N, C-alpha and C. Protein backbone atom coordinates (compact mmCIF):
# COMPACT_ATOMS: atom_id res chain seq x y z
N MET A 1 53.17 -127.53 205.28
CA MET A 1 51.99 -126.81 205.76
C MET A 1 52.14 -125.32 205.50
N LEU A 2 53.38 -124.81 205.77
CA LEU A 2 53.65 -123.40 205.53
C LEU A 2 53.55 -123.09 204.04
N LEU A 3 54.06 -124.00 203.22
CA LEU A 3 54.00 -123.83 201.78
C LEU A 3 52.56 -123.77 201.29
N ALA A 4 51.73 -124.66 201.82
CA ALA A 4 50.31 -124.68 201.43
C ALA A 4 49.63 -123.39 201.82
N THR A 5 50.02 -122.86 203.00
CA THR A 5 49.42 -121.60 203.46
C THR A 5 49.80 -120.45 202.53
N LYS A 6 51.08 -120.40 202.17
CA LYS A 6 51.54 -119.35 201.27
C LYS A 6 50.85 -119.45 199.90
N GLU A 7 50.73 -120.70 199.43
CA GLU A 7 50.11 -120.92 198.13
C GLU A 7 48.64 -120.48 198.17
N SER A 8 47.94 -120.84 199.24
CA SER A 8 46.53 -120.48 199.36
C SER A 8 46.37 -118.97 199.43
N ARG A 9 47.29 -118.32 200.19
CA ARG A 9 47.21 -116.87 200.32
C ARG A 9 47.48 -116.20 198.99
N PHE A 10 48.44 -116.75 198.26
CA PHE A 10 48.78 -116.19 196.95
C PHE A 10 47.61 -116.31 195.98
N CYS A 11 46.98 -117.47 195.96
CA CYS A 11 45.82 -117.69 195.07
C CYS A 11 44.67 -116.77 195.44
N LEU A 12 44.48 -116.57 196.75
CA LEU A 12 43.40 -115.69 197.21
C LEU A 12 43.67 -114.26 196.78
N ASN A 13 44.93 -113.83 196.91
CA ASN A 13 45.28 -112.46 196.50
C ASN A 13 45.07 -112.26 195.01
N ARG A 14 45.42 -113.29 194.24
CA ARG A 14 45.21 -113.21 192.79
C ARG A 14 43.73 -113.11 192.47
N THR A 15 42.90 -113.88 193.16
CA THR A 15 41.45 -113.85 192.92
C THR A 15 40.88 -112.48 193.24
N ILE A 16 41.29 -111.93 194.40
CA ILE A 16 40.80 -110.61 194.79
C ILE A 16 41.22 -109.55 193.78
N LEU A 17 42.49 -109.62 193.33
CA LEU A 17 43.00 -108.66 192.36
C LEU A 17 42.22 -108.75 191.06
N THR A 18 41.93 -109.98 190.61
CA THR A 18 41.17 -110.17 189.37
C THR A 18 39.78 -109.57 189.49
N ILE A 19 39.11 -109.78 190.63
CA ILE A 19 37.76 -109.24 190.83
C ILE A 19 37.79 -107.72 190.80
N VAL A 20 38.79 -107.13 191.46
CA VAL A 20 38.90 -105.66 191.49
C VAL A 20 39.10 -105.10 190.09
N ILE A 21 39.98 -105.74 189.30
CA ILE A 21 40.24 -105.29 187.93
C ILE A 21 38.97 -105.35 187.10
N VAL A 22 38.23 -106.45 187.22
CA VAL A 22 36.99 -106.61 186.44
C VAL A 22 35.98 -105.54 186.83
N LEU A 23 35.82 -105.29 188.14
CA LEU A 23 34.85 -104.30 188.60
C LEU A 23 35.22 -102.90 188.14
N LEU A 24 36.52 -102.61 188.09
CA LEU A 24 36.96 -101.30 187.63
C LEU A 24 36.79 -101.17 186.12
N ALA A 25 36.94 -102.28 185.40
CA ALA A 25 36.85 -102.23 183.95
C ALA A 25 35.45 -102.04 183.45
N VAL A 26 34.44 -102.54 184.18
CA VAL A 26 33.05 -102.48 183.71
C VAL A 26 32.58 -101.06 183.48
N PRO A 27 32.68 -100.12 184.45
CA PRO A 27 32.22 -98.77 184.19
C PRO A 27 33.01 -98.07 183.10
N LEU A 28 34.31 -98.38 182.99
CA LEU A 28 35.11 -97.76 181.94
C LEU A 28 34.65 -98.21 180.57
N ALA A 29 34.36 -99.51 180.42
CA ALA A 29 33.90 -100.02 179.14
C ALA A 29 32.56 -99.43 178.78
N THR A 30 31.67 -99.28 179.78
CA THR A 30 30.35 -98.72 179.52
C THR A 30 30.44 -97.27 179.11
N ALA A 31 31.32 -96.52 179.80
CA ALA A 31 31.43 -95.09 179.53
C ALA A 31 32.00 -94.82 178.15
N LYS A 32 32.84 -95.73 177.66
CA LYS A 32 33.50 -95.50 176.38
C LYS A 32 32.98 -96.45 175.30
N SER A 33 31.74 -96.89 175.41
CA SER A 33 31.21 -97.82 174.43
C SER A 33 31.00 -97.16 173.07
N SER A 34 30.80 -95.82 173.05
CA SER A 34 30.66 -95.07 171.81
C SER A 34 31.71 -93.98 171.77
N LYS A 35 32.34 -93.82 170.63
CA LYS A 35 33.34 -92.77 170.49
C LYS A 35 33.24 -92.14 169.11
N LEU A 36 33.66 -90.88 169.03
CA LEU A 36 33.63 -90.15 167.77
C LEU A 36 34.82 -90.55 166.91
N VAL A 37 34.56 -90.83 165.63
CA VAL A 37 35.63 -91.16 164.69
C VAL A 37 36.06 -89.90 163.94
N MET A 38 35.10 -89.13 163.48
CA MET A 38 35.38 -87.88 162.79
C MET A 38 34.15 -86.98 162.78
N SER A 39 34.38 -85.69 162.58
CA SER A 39 33.26 -84.75 162.40
C SER A 39 33.72 -83.63 161.47
N TRP A 40 32.76 -83.04 160.80
CA TRP A 40 33.04 -81.95 159.85
C TRP A 40 31.90 -80.96 159.91
N LYS A 41 32.26 -79.67 159.86
CA LYS A 41 31.25 -78.63 159.81
C LYS A 41 31.52 -77.72 158.63
N ASN A 42 30.45 -77.34 157.95
CA ASN A 42 30.57 -76.39 156.85
C ASN A 42 31.20 -75.11 157.38
N PRO A 43 32.37 -74.72 156.87
CA PRO A 43 33.06 -73.54 157.39
C PRO A 43 32.29 -72.24 157.21
N ASN A 44 31.34 -72.24 156.30
CA ASN A 44 30.55 -71.03 156.05
C ASN A 44 29.28 -70.96 156.91
N TYR A 45 29.07 -72.00 157.71
CA TYR A 45 27.85 -72.04 158.51
C TYR A 45 28.10 -71.51 159.92
N VAL A 46 27.19 -70.66 160.37
CA VAL A 46 27.24 -70.12 161.73
C VAL A 46 26.05 -70.67 162.50
N ALA A 47 26.32 -71.27 163.65
CA ALA A 47 25.25 -71.88 164.45
C ALA A 47 24.18 -70.85 164.80
N ARG A 48 22.95 -71.28 164.74
CA ARG A 48 21.84 -70.41 165.09
C ARG A 48 20.78 -71.21 165.83
N LYS A 49 19.85 -70.49 166.42
CA LYS A 49 18.77 -71.13 167.17
C LYS A 49 17.73 -71.64 166.19
N PHE A 50 17.46 -72.95 166.25
CA PHE A 50 16.46 -73.53 165.37
C PHE A 50 15.08 -73.41 166.01
N HIS A 51 14.08 -73.27 165.15
CA HIS A 51 12.70 -73.21 165.63
C HIS A 51 12.21 -74.61 165.98
N ARG A 52 12.46 -75.55 165.08
CA ARG A 52 12.01 -76.92 165.30
C ARG A 52 12.88 -77.88 164.49
N VAL A 53 13.35 -78.94 165.16
CA VAL A 53 14.24 -79.91 164.53
C VAL A 53 13.53 -81.26 164.41
N LEU A 54 13.79 -81.95 163.31
CA LEU A 54 13.25 -83.29 163.09
C LEU A 54 14.36 -84.29 163.35
N ALA A 55 14.13 -85.25 164.24
CA ALA A 55 15.10 -86.30 164.55
C ALA A 55 14.73 -87.56 163.80
N LEU A 56 15.62 -88.01 162.92
CA LEU A 56 15.34 -89.18 162.08
C LEU A 56 16.39 -90.27 162.24
N GLY A 57 15.92 -91.50 162.17
CA GLY A 57 16.81 -92.65 162.12
C GLY A 57 16.43 -93.49 160.91
N LEU A 58 17.42 -93.94 160.17
CA LEU A 58 17.16 -94.76 158.99
C LEU A 58 17.47 -96.21 159.34
N SER A 59 16.44 -97.01 159.48
CA SER A 59 16.61 -98.43 159.84
C SER A 59 15.39 -99.20 159.38
N ASP A 60 15.61 -100.47 159.00
CA ASP A 60 14.49 -101.31 158.60
C ASP A 60 13.83 -101.98 159.80
N LYS A 61 14.37 -101.74 160.99
CA LYS A 61 13.79 -102.28 162.22
C LYS A 61 12.95 -101.18 162.88
N THR A 62 11.65 -101.30 162.78
CA THR A 62 10.75 -100.25 163.23
C THR A 62 10.94 -99.88 164.69
N GLY A 63 11.04 -100.88 165.56
CA GLY A 63 11.19 -100.62 166.98
C GLY A 63 12.48 -99.90 167.31
N VAL A 64 13.59 -100.36 166.75
CA VAL A 64 14.89 -99.74 167.00
C VAL A 64 14.89 -98.31 166.47
N ARG A 65 14.31 -98.12 165.30
CA ARG A 65 14.26 -96.79 164.70
C ARG A 65 13.47 -95.83 165.58
N ALA A 66 12.33 -96.26 166.08
CA ALA A 66 11.51 -95.40 166.94
C ALA A 66 12.24 -95.06 168.24
N ASN A 67 12.88 -96.05 168.84
CA ASN A 67 13.62 -95.82 170.08
C ASN A 67 14.78 -94.85 169.86
N PHE A 68 15.44 -95.01 168.72
CA PHE A 68 16.56 -94.11 168.40
C PHE A 68 16.06 -92.68 168.21
N GLU A 69 14.99 -92.51 167.46
CA GLU A 69 14.46 -91.17 167.21
C GLU A 69 14.00 -90.50 168.50
N ASP A 70 13.38 -91.27 169.37
CA ASP A 70 12.93 -90.72 170.66
C ASP A 70 14.12 -90.28 171.51
N ALA A 71 15.17 -91.11 171.54
CA ALA A 71 16.36 -90.78 172.34
C ALA A 71 17.10 -89.57 171.76
N LEU A 72 17.20 -89.51 170.44
CA LEU A 72 17.87 -88.39 169.79
C LEU A 72 17.09 -87.10 170.03
N ALA A 73 15.77 -87.19 169.90
CA ALA A 73 14.92 -86.02 170.12
C ALA A 73 15.06 -85.51 171.56
N GLU A 74 15.08 -86.44 172.51
CA GLU A 74 15.22 -86.06 173.92
C GLU A 74 16.55 -85.36 174.19
N GLN A 75 17.60 -85.86 173.56
CA GLN A 75 18.92 -85.26 173.74
C GLN A 75 18.99 -83.87 173.12
N LEU A 76 18.33 -83.69 171.98
CA LEU A 76 18.30 -82.38 171.32
C LEU A 76 17.45 -81.39 172.11
N VAL A 77 16.37 -81.87 172.69
CA VAL A 77 15.51 -81.01 173.52
C VAL A 77 16.32 -80.45 174.69
N ALA A 78 17.24 -81.24 175.20
CA ALA A 78 18.07 -80.81 176.33
C ALA A 78 18.94 -79.61 175.96
N THR A 79 19.14 -79.37 174.67
CA THR A 79 19.93 -78.21 174.24
C THR A 79 19.06 -76.96 174.15
N GLY A 80 17.76 -77.13 174.35
CA GLY A 80 16.86 -75.98 174.35
C GLY A 80 16.09 -75.77 173.06
N VAL A 81 16.14 -76.75 172.16
CA VAL A 81 15.42 -76.60 170.89
C VAL A 81 14.27 -77.60 170.82
N GLU A 82 13.15 -77.16 170.31
CA GLU A 82 12.01 -78.06 170.14
C GLU A 82 12.35 -79.09 169.08
N THR A 83 12.11 -80.34 169.40
CA THR A 83 12.47 -81.43 168.49
C THR A 83 11.32 -82.42 168.38
N ILE A 84 11.11 -82.89 167.14
CA ILE A 84 10.06 -83.86 166.87
C ILE A 84 10.70 -85.16 166.41
N PRO A 85 10.45 -86.28 167.07
CA PRO A 85 10.95 -87.56 166.56
C PRO A 85 10.20 -87.95 165.30
N GLY A 86 10.91 -88.49 164.34
CA GLY A 86 10.30 -88.82 163.07
C GLY A 86 9.11 -89.74 163.17
N ASN A 87 9.11 -90.65 164.15
CA ASN A 87 8.02 -91.62 164.24
C ASN A 87 6.70 -90.98 164.65
N SER A 88 6.71 -89.72 165.09
CA SER A 88 5.48 -89.06 165.51
C SER A 88 4.75 -88.37 164.36
N ILE A 89 5.45 -88.14 163.24
CA ILE A 89 4.79 -87.44 162.12
C ILE A 89 4.94 -88.17 160.79
N LEU A 90 5.81 -89.16 160.73
CA LEU A 90 6.05 -89.85 159.46
C LEU A 90 5.55 -91.29 159.50
N LEU A 91 4.77 -91.66 158.51
CA LEU A 91 4.34 -93.04 158.35
C LEU A 91 5.31 -93.73 157.40
N ARG A 92 6.00 -94.76 157.90
CA ARG A 92 7.00 -95.45 157.08
C ARG A 92 6.76 -96.95 157.13
N PRO A 93 5.72 -97.40 156.46
CA PRO A 93 5.40 -98.84 156.48
C PRO A 93 6.52 -99.66 155.86
N GLU A 94 6.76 -100.83 156.44
CA GLU A 94 7.81 -101.71 155.94
C GLU A 94 7.44 -102.30 154.58
N GLY A 95 8.45 -102.49 153.77
CA GLY A 95 8.25 -103.16 152.49
C GLY A 95 7.64 -102.29 151.40
N THR A 96 7.52 -100.99 151.64
CA THR A 96 6.98 -100.10 150.61
C THR A 96 7.98 -99.01 150.31
N GLN A 97 7.92 -98.49 149.10
CA GLN A 97 8.84 -97.43 148.70
C GLN A 97 8.43 -96.12 149.36
N PHE A 98 9.41 -95.42 149.91
CA PHE A 98 9.11 -94.19 150.63
C PHE A 98 8.80 -93.07 149.65
N ASP A 99 7.79 -92.25 149.98
CA ASP A 99 7.38 -91.14 149.15
C ASP A 99 8.10 -89.88 149.61
N LEU A 100 9.04 -89.40 148.80
CA LEU A 100 9.82 -88.22 149.16
C LEU A 100 8.96 -86.97 149.23
N ASN A 101 7.97 -86.88 148.38
CA ASN A 101 7.07 -85.71 148.41
C ASN A 101 6.28 -85.66 149.72
N TYR A 102 5.95 -86.83 150.25
CA TYR A 102 5.25 -86.90 151.53
C TYR A 102 6.14 -86.35 152.64
N LEU A 103 7.44 -86.72 152.61
CA LEU A 103 8.39 -86.21 153.59
C LEU A 103 8.50 -84.68 153.50
N LYS A 104 8.61 -84.16 152.30
CA LYS A 104 8.72 -82.71 152.11
C LYS A 104 7.47 -81.99 152.64
N THR A 105 6.33 -82.59 152.42
CA THR A 105 5.08 -81.99 152.89
C THR A 105 5.04 -81.94 154.41
N GLN A 106 5.43 -83.04 155.05
CA GLN A 106 5.44 -83.10 156.50
C GLN A 106 6.43 -82.10 157.11
N VAL A 107 7.58 -81.97 156.49
CA VAL A 107 8.59 -81.01 156.95
C VAL A 107 8.04 -79.59 156.86
N ARG A 108 7.38 -79.30 155.76
CA ARG A 108 6.83 -77.95 155.55
C ARG A 108 5.67 -77.67 156.50
N GLU A 109 4.75 -78.60 156.63
CA GLU A 109 3.57 -78.38 157.46
C GLU A 109 3.90 -78.32 158.95
N ASN A 110 4.96 -79.01 159.36
CA ASN A 110 5.36 -78.99 160.76
C ASN A 110 6.41 -77.92 161.05
N GLN A 111 6.68 -77.09 160.06
CA GLN A 111 7.59 -75.96 160.20
C GLN A 111 8.97 -76.40 160.72
N ILE A 112 9.49 -77.43 160.10
CA ILE A 112 10.82 -77.94 160.44
C ILE A 112 11.86 -77.09 159.74
N ASP A 113 12.84 -76.59 160.50
CA ASP A 113 13.90 -75.81 159.85
C ASP A 113 15.27 -76.50 159.91
N ALA A 114 15.33 -77.68 160.53
CA ALA A 114 16.57 -78.46 160.53
C ALA A 114 16.24 -79.93 160.75
N VAL A 115 17.07 -80.78 160.19
CA VAL A 115 16.88 -82.23 160.32
C VAL A 115 18.20 -82.86 160.76
N VAL A 116 18.13 -83.70 161.80
CA VAL A 116 19.29 -84.51 162.22
C VAL A 116 18.93 -85.95 161.87
N VAL A 117 19.72 -86.57 161.02
CA VAL A 117 19.40 -87.92 160.54
C VAL A 117 20.61 -88.83 160.69
N SER A 118 20.37 -90.05 161.19
CA SER A 118 21.46 -91.02 161.40
C SER A 118 21.17 -92.29 160.63
N ARG A 119 22.23 -92.92 160.19
CA ARG A 119 22.09 -94.21 159.50
C ARG A 119 23.26 -95.11 159.84
N LEU A 120 23.00 -96.41 159.75
CA LEU A 120 24.03 -97.41 159.97
C LEU A 120 24.91 -97.51 158.73
N ILE A 121 26.22 -97.37 158.93
CA ILE A 121 27.16 -97.51 157.81
C ILE A 121 27.60 -98.95 157.66
N LYS A 122 28.06 -99.54 158.77
CA LYS A 122 28.50 -100.94 158.70
C LYS A 122 28.62 -101.53 160.09
N VAL A 123 28.63 -102.85 160.13
CA VAL A 123 28.84 -103.60 161.37
C VAL A 123 30.03 -104.52 161.13
N GLU A 124 31.01 -104.46 162.02
CA GLU A 124 32.20 -105.31 161.90
C GLU A 124 32.27 -106.26 163.09
N ASN A 125 32.45 -107.54 162.79
CA ASN A 125 32.65 -108.55 163.82
C ASN A 125 34.05 -109.12 163.66
N THR A 126 34.87 -108.98 164.68
CA THR A 126 36.23 -109.48 164.62
C THR A 126 36.49 -110.47 165.75
N VAL A 127 37.27 -111.48 165.45
CA VAL A 127 37.67 -112.46 166.46
C VAL A 127 39.19 -112.47 166.51
N THR A 128 39.74 -112.20 167.68
CA THR A 128 41.19 -112.12 167.86
C THR A 128 41.67 -113.28 168.73
N TYR A 129 42.69 -113.97 168.27
CA TYR A 129 43.27 -115.06 169.05
C TYR A 129 44.29 -114.48 170.03
N ILE A 130 44.09 -114.75 171.31
CA ILE A 130 44.99 -114.27 172.35
C ILE A 130 45.77 -115.46 172.90
N PRO A 131 47.06 -115.54 172.58
CA PRO A 131 47.85 -116.70 173.06
C PRO A 131 48.10 -116.62 174.55
N GLY A 132 48.19 -117.77 175.16
CA GLY A 132 48.51 -117.81 176.59
C GLY A 132 49.96 -117.40 176.82
N GLY A 133 50.29 -117.01 178.04
CA GLY A 133 51.65 -116.57 178.33
C GLY A 133 52.08 -117.02 179.71
N ALA A 134 53.37 -117.05 179.91
CA ALA A 134 53.90 -117.44 181.21
C ALA A 134 53.54 -116.39 182.25
N TYR A 135 53.21 -116.85 183.43
CA TYR A 135 52.85 -115.95 184.53
C TYR A 135 54.09 -115.65 185.36
N VAL A 136 54.35 -114.37 185.66
CA VAL A 136 55.50 -113.97 186.46
C VAL A 136 55.05 -113.72 187.89
N ALA A 137 55.57 -114.47 188.82
CA ALA A 137 55.19 -114.32 190.22
C ALA A 137 55.83 -113.07 190.82
N PRO A 138 55.20 -112.48 191.83
CA PRO A 138 55.78 -111.31 192.50
C PRO A 138 57.14 -111.64 193.10
N PHE A 139 57.97 -110.62 193.26
CA PHE A 139 59.36 -110.79 193.68
C PHE A 139 59.57 -111.60 194.96
N PRO A 140 58.77 -111.37 196.05
CA PRO A 140 59.05 -112.10 197.30
C PRO A 140 59.08 -113.61 197.15
N TYR A 141 58.36 -114.16 196.17
CA TYR A 141 58.29 -115.61 196.04
C TYR A 141 59.54 -116.19 195.40
N TYR A 142 60.47 -115.33 194.93
CA TYR A 142 61.73 -115.83 194.38
C TYR A 142 62.75 -116.10 195.48
N ASN A 143 62.50 -115.67 196.68
CA ASN A 143 63.49 -115.77 197.75
C ASN A 143 63.84 -117.21 198.13
N THR A 144 62.87 -118.10 198.06
CA THR A 144 63.12 -119.50 198.39
C THR A 144 62.60 -120.38 197.26
N PHE A 145 63.24 -121.53 197.09
CA PHE A 145 62.82 -122.45 196.04
C PHE A 145 61.38 -122.92 196.24
N TYR A 146 61.06 -123.32 197.49
CA TYR A 146 59.74 -123.86 197.74
C TYR A 146 58.66 -122.78 197.61
N GLY A 147 58.99 -121.58 198.04
CA GLY A 147 58.03 -120.48 197.89
C GLY A 147 57.78 -120.17 196.42
N TYR A 148 58.88 -120.16 195.62
CA TYR A 148 58.78 -119.90 194.18
C TYR A 148 57.99 -121.00 193.48
N TYR A 149 58.40 -122.25 193.73
CA TYR A 149 57.78 -123.38 193.05
C TYR A 149 56.31 -123.51 193.43
N GLY A 150 56.00 -123.31 194.72
CA GLY A 150 54.62 -123.45 195.17
C GLY A 150 53.71 -122.38 194.63
N ALA A 151 54.26 -121.17 194.42
CA ALA A 151 53.44 -120.07 193.91
C ALA A 151 53.25 -120.15 192.41
N VAL A 152 54.31 -120.57 191.71
CA VAL A 152 54.28 -120.53 190.24
C VAL A 152 53.65 -121.77 189.63
N TYR A 153 53.84 -122.92 190.22
CA TYR A 153 53.40 -124.17 189.61
C TYR A 153 51.92 -124.17 189.21
N PRO A 154 50.98 -123.70 190.08
CA PRO A 154 49.56 -123.77 189.70
C PRO A 154 49.17 -122.82 188.57
N VAL A 155 50.02 -121.80 188.33
CA VAL A 155 49.62 -120.78 187.35
C VAL A 155 50.75 -120.53 186.35
N VAL A 156 51.44 -121.58 185.94
CA VAL A 156 52.56 -121.41 185.03
C VAL A 156 52.10 -120.78 183.71
N TYR A 157 50.98 -121.26 183.21
CA TYR A 157 50.50 -120.75 181.92
C TYR A 157 49.05 -120.30 182.01
N SER A 158 48.78 -119.17 181.40
CA SER A 158 47.38 -118.75 181.25
C SER A 158 46.87 -119.35 179.95
N PRO A 159 45.62 -119.79 179.88
CA PRO A 159 45.12 -120.49 178.69
C PRO A 159 44.92 -119.56 177.50
N ASP A 160 45.02 -120.12 176.30
CA ASP A 160 44.70 -119.37 175.10
C ASP A 160 43.19 -119.10 175.09
N TYR A 161 42.79 -118.04 174.40
CA TYR A 161 41.36 -117.77 174.26
C TYR A 161 41.09 -116.88 173.05
N LEU A 162 39.83 -116.82 172.66
CA LEU A 162 39.41 -115.99 171.54
C LEU A 162 38.63 -114.80 172.07
N ARG A 163 38.97 -113.60 171.60
CA ARG A 163 38.26 -112.39 172.00
C ARG A 163 37.40 -111.90 170.83
N GLU A 164 36.09 -111.84 171.04
CA GLU A 164 35.17 -111.39 170.01
C GLU A 164 34.81 -109.93 170.25
N GLU A 165 34.79 -109.15 169.20
CA GLU A 165 34.46 -107.74 169.30
C GLU A 165 33.53 -107.33 168.16
N LYS A 166 32.51 -106.55 168.50
CA LYS A 166 31.57 -106.07 167.51
C LYS A 166 31.64 -104.55 167.47
N LYS A 167 31.76 -103.98 166.28
CA LYS A 167 31.84 -102.53 166.12
C LYS A 167 30.74 -102.06 165.17
N VAL A 168 29.92 -101.13 165.65
CA VAL A 168 28.83 -100.59 164.85
C VAL A 168 29.15 -99.14 164.50
N ARG A 169 29.19 -98.84 163.22
CA ARG A 169 29.54 -97.48 162.76
C ARG A 169 28.28 -96.75 162.28
N ILE A 170 28.08 -95.55 162.82
CA ILE A 170 26.90 -94.75 162.52
C ILE A 170 27.32 -93.40 161.95
N GLU A 171 26.62 -92.96 160.92
CA GLU A 171 26.82 -91.63 160.35
C GLU A 171 25.63 -90.75 160.72
N THR A 172 25.91 -89.53 161.18
CA THR A 172 24.86 -88.59 161.54
C THR A 172 25.09 -87.27 160.80
N ASN A 173 24.04 -86.76 160.17
CA ASN A 173 24.12 -85.51 159.42
C ASN A 173 23.12 -84.49 159.95
N LEU A 174 23.52 -83.22 159.89
CA LEU A 174 22.63 -82.12 160.24
C LEU A 174 22.38 -81.29 158.99
N TYR A 175 21.11 -81.20 158.62
CA TYR A 175 20.72 -80.42 157.45
C TYR A 175 19.87 -79.23 157.88
N VAL A 176 20.13 -78.09 157.27
CA VAL A 176 19.32 -76.90 157.51
C VAL A 176 18.38 -76.72 156.32
N ILE A 177 17.09 -76.65 156.61
CA ILE A 177 16.10 -76.54 155.53
C ILE A 177 15.96 -75.08 155.12
N SER A 178 17.06 -74.53 154.62
CA SER A 178 17.04 -73.15 154.16
C SER A 178 16.81 -73.05 152.66
N SER A 179 16.97 -74.18 152.00
CA SER A 179 16.71 -74.24 150.57
C SER A 179 15.71 -75.36 150.32
N GLN A 180 15.33 -75.53 149.10
CA GLN A 180 14.32 -76.54 148.77
C GLN A 180 14.81 -77.94 149.08
N GLU A 181 16.11 -78.19 148.89
CA GLU A 181 16.66 -79.53 149.10
C GLU A 181 17.23 -79.75 150.49
N GLY A 182 17.57 -78.69 151.21
CA GLY A 182 18.18 -78.83 152.53
C GLY A 182 19.70 -78.88 152.41
N GLU A 183 20.40 -78.06 153.19
CA GLU A 183 21.84 -77.93 153.08
C GLU A 183 22.55 -78.68 154.21
N LEU A 184 23.55 -79.48 153.85
CA LEU A 184 24.35 -80.19 154.84
C LEU A 184 25.29 -79.20 155.52
N VAL A 185 25.21 -79.11 156.86
CA VAL A 185 26.07 -78.18 157.59
C VAL A 185 26.99 -78.90 158.57
N TRP A 186 26.69 -80.14 158.89
CA TRP A 186 27.55 -80.89 159.81
C TRP A 186 27.37 -82.38 159.58
N THR A 187 28.47 -83.13 159.75
CA THR A 187 28.39 -84.58 159.68
C THR A 187 29.37 -85.18 160.68
N GLY A 188 29.00 -86.30 161.25
CA GLY A 188 29.87 -86.98 162.21
C GLY A 188 29.72 -88.49 162.08
N VAL A 189 30.80 -89.18 162.38
CA VAL A 189 30.81 -90.65 162.33
C VAL A 189 31.24 -91.17 163.71
N THR A 190 30.49 -92.12 164.21
CA THR A 190 30.78 -92.69 165.53
C THR A 190 30.90 -94.21 165.44
N ASP A 191 31.67 -94.75 166.36
CA ASP A 191 31.79 -96.21 166.51
C ASP A 191 31.25 -96.59 167.88
N THR A 192 30.42 -97.63 167.91
CA THR A 192 29.92 -98.18 169.17
C THR A 192 30.44 -99.60 169.28
N PHE A 193 31.06 -99.93 170.42
CA PHE A 193 31.71 -101.22 170.59
C PHE A 193 30.90 -102.15 171.49
N ASN A 194 30.74 -103.37 171.02
CA ASN A 194 30.09 -104.44 171.79
C ASN A 194 28.79 -104.00 172.46
N PRO A 195 27.83 -103.52 171.66
CA PRO A 195 26.56 -103.05 172.23
C PRO A 195 25.68 -104.21 172.70
N SER A 196 25.82 -104.60 173.96
CA SER A 196 25.05 -105.72 174.49
C SER A 196 23.61 -105.32 174.78
N ASN A 197 23.40 -104.05 175.09
CA ASN A 197 22.06 -103.53 175.36
C ASN A 197 21.77 -102.43 174.35
N VAL A 198 20.78 -102.64 173.50
CA VAL A 198 20.50 -101.72 172.40
C VAL A 198 20.14 -100.33 172.91
N GLN A 199 19.26 -100.25 173.91
CA GLN A 199 18.82 -98.94 174.40
C GLN A 199 19.96 -98.16 175.03
N LYS A 200 20.82 -98.84 175.81
CA LYS A 200 21.96 -98.17 176.42
C LYS A 200 22.93 -97.69 175.34
N ALA A 201 23.10 -98.49 174.30
CA ALA A 201 23.98 -98.10 173.20
C ALA A 201 23.44 -96.88 172.48
N ILE A 202 22.13 -96.84 172.28
CA ILE A 202 21.49 -95.69 171.63
C ILE A 202 21.68 -94.43 172.48
N ASN A 203 21.42 -94.54 173.77
CA ASN A 203 21.54 -93.38 174.66
C ASN A 203 22.96 -92.84 174.68
N GLY A 204 23.93 -93.75 174.72
CA GLY A 204 25.32 -93.31 174.71
C GLY A 204 25.70 -92.66 173.39
N LEU A 205 25.20 -93.21 172.30
CA LEU A 205 25.52 -92.69 170.97
C LEU A 205 24.98 -91.28 170.77
N VAL A 206 23.71 -91.04 171.10
CA VAL A 206 23.11 -89.72 170.86
C VAL A 206 23.77 -88.65 171.74
N LYS A 207 24.23 -89.04 172.92
CA LYS A 207 24.92 -88.07 173.79
C LYS A 207 26.23 -87.63 173.14
N VAL A 208 26.97 -88.59 172.59
CA VAL A 208 28.23 -88.28 171.94
C VAL A 208 28.00 -87.37 170.73
N VAL A 209 26.99 -87.69 169.93
CA VAL A 209 26.72 -86.94 168.71
C VAL A 209 26.29 -85.50 169.01
N VAL A 210 25.33 -85.34 169.89
CA VAL A 210 24.82 -83.99 170.18
C VAL A 210 25.90 -83.15 170.86
N LYS A 211 26.68 -83.75 171.73
CA LYS A 211 27.76 -83.02 172.40
C LYS A 211 28.78 -82.53 171.38
N GLN A 212 29.08 -83.36 170.37
CA GLN A 212 30.04 -82.97 169.35
C GLN A 212 29.48 -81.87 168.45
N MET A 213 28.20 -81.91 168.16
CA MET A 213 27.57 -80.84 167.39
C MET A 213 27.75 -79.50 168.09
N GLN A 214 27.53 -79.51 169.40
CA GLN A 214 27.70 -78.29 170.18
C GLN A 214 29.16 -77.86 170.22
N SER A 215 30.05 -78.84 170.39
CA SER A 215 31.48 -78.54 170.43
C SER A 215 31.97 -77.94 169.13
N ASP A 216 31.44 -78.44 168.01
CA ASP A 216 31.81 -77.93 166.69
C ASP A 216 31.04 -76.67 166.32
N GLU A 217 30.17 -76.21 167.21
CA GLU A 217 29.34 -75.01 167.01
C GLU A 217 28.43 -75.15 165.79
N ALA A 218 27.95 -76.39 165.59
CA ALA A 218 26.95 -76.61 164.54
C ALA A 218 25.56 -76.49 165.14
N LEU A 219 25.50 -76.68 166.44
CA LEU A 219 24.22 -76.60 167.16
C LEU A 219 24.42 -75.62 168.30
N GLN A 220 23.55 -74.65 168.39
CA GLN A 220 23.69 -73.62 169.41
C GLN A 220 23.48 -74.20 170.80
N SER A 221 24.40 -73.93 171.69
CA SER A 221 24.31 -74.43 173.06
C SER A 221 23.25 -73.65 173.83
N PRO A 222 22.63 -74.29 174.84
CA PRO A 222 21.62 -73.59 175.63
C PRO A 222 22.25 -72.45 176.43
N GLN A 223 21.50 -71.39 176.60
CA GLN A 223 22.00 -70.22 177.31
C GLN A 223 21.95 -70.47 178.81
């Protein structure tokens, strides 16, 4: 009876510990779902206040592209610069070749002096085999044979399992429209892991990108 009580208490403690670990891991995973891989700034470029920035996303999915441009524009506006999402001034019908002259005209007529544009580089799906392992019981249960055996027997081995992970890599560039073609002044690459919610992944991504632009002094911080 005493052995059963100890075993039940041990199993309960393990369950509580597992729940606590999972609850603690969720916010950490969410907070770090997007991370910077690299960034580069033109050493000859000095950050300045832009009059108007165009936020662009390159994607064949119209809805995702529009949501991304809106989120990027909102994040840039927070820095104190007027920003226009591409979906508000550019017509990009699916299945047709894009007219570059049309883009140049829209940039000129809307007095755009900088463009932030992002594109998907690649998506990686990996599956990792995690072998099961022997479970080590806490020290007090080694004191007696029955305590040790009763605690360890139900959980001698943890089962094998497969861990799936998805990584989405995005490239973001900042161009200054100071010349006819536009000059690249900053570029950054980010990885987003296991994006289960597209909108949350987009929001996290644009925050990382804009923050890094400011950190690299490619984008003037708000006063």
